[in-house]
Protein backbone atom coordinates (compact mmCIF):
# COMPACT_ATOMS: atom_id res chain seq x y z
CA MET A 1 26.59 27.74 -30.67
CA ASP A 2 26.65 25.89 -27.34
CA ALA A 3 25.98 22.24 -27.77
CA PRO A 4 23.02 21.31 -25.98
CA SER A 5 23.59 19.75 -22.44
CA LYS A 6 22.49 16.17 -21.82
CA GLN A 7 20.68 15.86 -18.40
CA ARG A 8 21.91 12.97 -16.35
CA PRO A 9 19.37 10.91 -14.21
CA GLY A 10 18.64 12.48 -10.97
CA GLU A 11 18.99 16.04 -12.07
CA HIS A 12 16.26 18.18 -11.94
CA VAL A 13 14.59 19.68 -15.09
CA LYS A 14 14.47 23.57 -15.09
CA GLY A 15 12.82 26.34 -17.18
CA PRO A 16 9.53 26.25 -18.65
CA PHE A 17 9.13 22.52 -19.13
CA ALA A 18 9.45 21.83 -15.68
CA LEU A 19 6.81 24.38 -14.83
CA ARG A 20 4.32 22.87 -17.09
CA ILE A 21 5.10 19.38 -15.43
CA ALA A 22 4.51 20.81 -12.06
CA LEU A 23 1.49 22.37 -13.21
CA VAL A 24 -0.04 19.18 -14.49
CA ALA A 25 0.78 17.24 -11.57
CA ALA A 26 -0.72 19.74 -9.26
CA LEU A 27 -4.02 19.88 -11.13
CA ALA A 28 -4.20 16.04 -11.12
CA CYS A 29 -3.75 15.89 -7.22
CA ALA A 30 -6.48 18.64 -6.96
CA ALA A 31 -8.67 16.58 -9.21
CA GLN A 32 -8.41 13.23 -7.50
CA PRO A 33 -10.97 13.79 -4.89
CA ALA A 34 -13.29 14.92 -7.42
CA LEU A 35 -12.92 11.87 -9.51
CA ALA A 36 -13.07 9.39 -6.67
CA ARG A 37 -15.90 7.31 -6.54
CA VAL A 38 -18.21 7.66 -3.45
CA VAL A 39 -19.77 4.84 -2.17
CA VAL A 40 -22.68 5.07 0.40
CA LYS A 41 -23.83 1.84 2.13
CA LYS A 42 -27.31 1.47 2.22
CA GLY A 43 -29.02 0.92 5.12
CA VAL A 44 -31.26 -2.21 5.91
CA TYR A 45 -34.14 -1.85 8.42
CA GLY A 46 -36.13 -4.04 10.85
CA ALA A 47 -39.14 -3.34 13.00
CA ILE A 48 -40.97 -5.38 15.66
CA ALA A 49 -44.90 -4.85 15.90
CA LEU A 50 -46.96 -5.84 19.01
CA GLU A 51 -50.55 -6.13 20.15
CA ARG A 52 -50.27 -5.61 23.86
CA GLU A 53 -53.34 -7.41 25.15
CA THR A 54 -52.80 -10.57 23.33
CA GLY A 55 -49.25 -10.55 23.20
CA GLN A 56 -49.39 -11.10 19.36
CA HIS A 57 -46.28 -9.80 17.57
CA GLY A 58 -44.75 -9.59 14.12
CA TYR A 59 -41.15 -8.94 12.95
CA VAL A 60 -39.26 -8.08 10.02
CA TYR A 61 -35.44 -7.64 9.24
CA ASN A 62 -33.38 -6.56 5.97
CA ALA A 63 -36.20 -4.29 4.67
CA ALA A 64 -35.36 -1.94 1.91
CA THR A 65 -37.03 1.07 3.93
CA SER A 66 -38.07 1.99 7.27
CA ARG A 67 -41.60 2.49 6.20
CA ALA A 68 -41.46 -1.21 4.55
CA ALA A 69 -39.99 -2.70 7.63
CA LYS A 70 -43.13 -1.17 9.91
CA ASN A 71 -45.76 -2.29 7.40
CA GLU A 72 -44.49 -5.72 7.10
CA ALA A 73 -44.20 -6.08 10.89
CA LEU A 74 -47.72 -4.74 11.39
CA ARG A 75 -48.70 -7.41 8.54
CA GLN A 76 -46.96 -10.13 10.23
CA CYS A 77 -48.64 -9.17 13.62
CA GLY A 78 -52.02 -10.00 12.19
CA GLN A 79 -54.29 -7.99 14.68
CA PRO A 80 -56.03 -4.71 14.13
CA ARG A 81 -54.57 -3.08 17.45
CA CYS A 82 -51.06 -4.11 16.57
CA GLU A 83 -48.55 -1.16 17.03
CA VAL A 84 -44.81 -0.88 15.97
CA VAL A 85 -43.15 -1.08 19.07
CA LEU A 86 -39.58 -0.83 17.78
CA SER A 87 -37.60 0.11 14.44
CA PHE A 88 -34.21 -0.20 13.80
CA SER A 89 -31.51 0.30 11.37
CA ASN A 90 -28.31 -1.84 10.62
CA ALA A 91 -28.88 -3.51 14.15
CA CYS A 92 -30.68 -5.68 16.18
CA GLY A 93 -33.62 -5.37 18.22
CA ALA A 94 -35.46 -7.12 20.99
CA LEU A 95 -39.04 -7.78 22.51
CA ALA A 96 -39.19 -8.90 26.13
CA GLN A 97 -42.55 -9.45 28.17
CA GLY A 98 -42.47 -8.85 31.95
CA PRO A 99 -44.85 -9.23 34.65
CA LYS A 100 -46.90 -6.06 33.62
CA LYS A 101 -45.52 -4.83 30.40
CA TYR A 102 -43.21 -5.25 27.48
CA PHE A 103 -39.90 -3.82 27.10
CA THR A 104 -37.69 -3.01 23.76
CA ALA A 105 -34.04 -2.31 23.16
CA THR A 106 -31.67 -2.50 20.32
CA GLY A 107 -28.22 -3.47 20.19
CA ALA A 108 -25.09 -4.29 17.84
CA THR A 109 -25.78 -7.99 18.22
CA GLN A 110 -28.70 -10.36 19.10
CA GLN A 111 -26.88 -10.82 22.45
CA GLU A 112 -26.58 -7.25 23.34
CA ALA A 113 -30.07 -6.32 22.41
CA GLN A 114 -31.58 -9.25 24.45
CA THR A 115 -29.18 -8.05 27.41
CA LYS A 116 -30.35 -4.73 27.21
CA VAL A 117 -34.21 -5.71 27.29
CA LEU A 118 -33.90 -7.98 29.91
CA ARG A 119 -32.02 -5.18 32.07
CA LEU A 120 -34.50 -2.64 31.39
CA CYS A 121 -37.39 -5.39 32.41
CA ALA A 122 -35.31 -6.14 35.80
CA ASP A 123 -37.60 -8.85 36.73
CA LYS A 124 -36.68 -12.72 36.85
CA ALA A 125 -40.05 -13.01 35.24
CA CYS A 126 -39.21 -11.28 32.26
CA SER A 127 -38.58 -13.28 28.94
CA VAL A 128 -37.30 -12.29 25.35
CA THR A 129 -40.43 -12.93 23.22
CA ALA A 130 -39.27 -11.61 19.76
CA TRP A 131 -35.81 -10.58 18.09
CA ALA A 132 -34.45 -9.80 14.82
CA CYS A 133 -31.14 -8.61 13.38
CA THR A 134 -30.72 -6.53 10.14
CA ARG A 135 -27.11 -8.18 9.13
């Protein structure tokens, strides 16, 4: 009868025991993505409403839903003929008044939204009348 051999550090395990360890390790690795917690960032919403004849406007930011943002912007506008002219999510929005009409734009920052809306208007008489950011 042979004496059992002692395994030294650094030597590889062989035989059925090694196969079981490899199988357990493979299953653990395969299950890892299924066990990972998925974190979904919820959006926040904003909107700007306008009554074009009077220039009355309302805006909202950080609403839980797009619908809530639009309804609140209309409520803040306060006129029966108000309409939502811009809605956005996880961004900024701006409203500008030109000599003949209104313009809207969105951007990653307040400055970007305002720059874009003034560029769209393309008139020195344009001015930003409202802006909002959801962050």
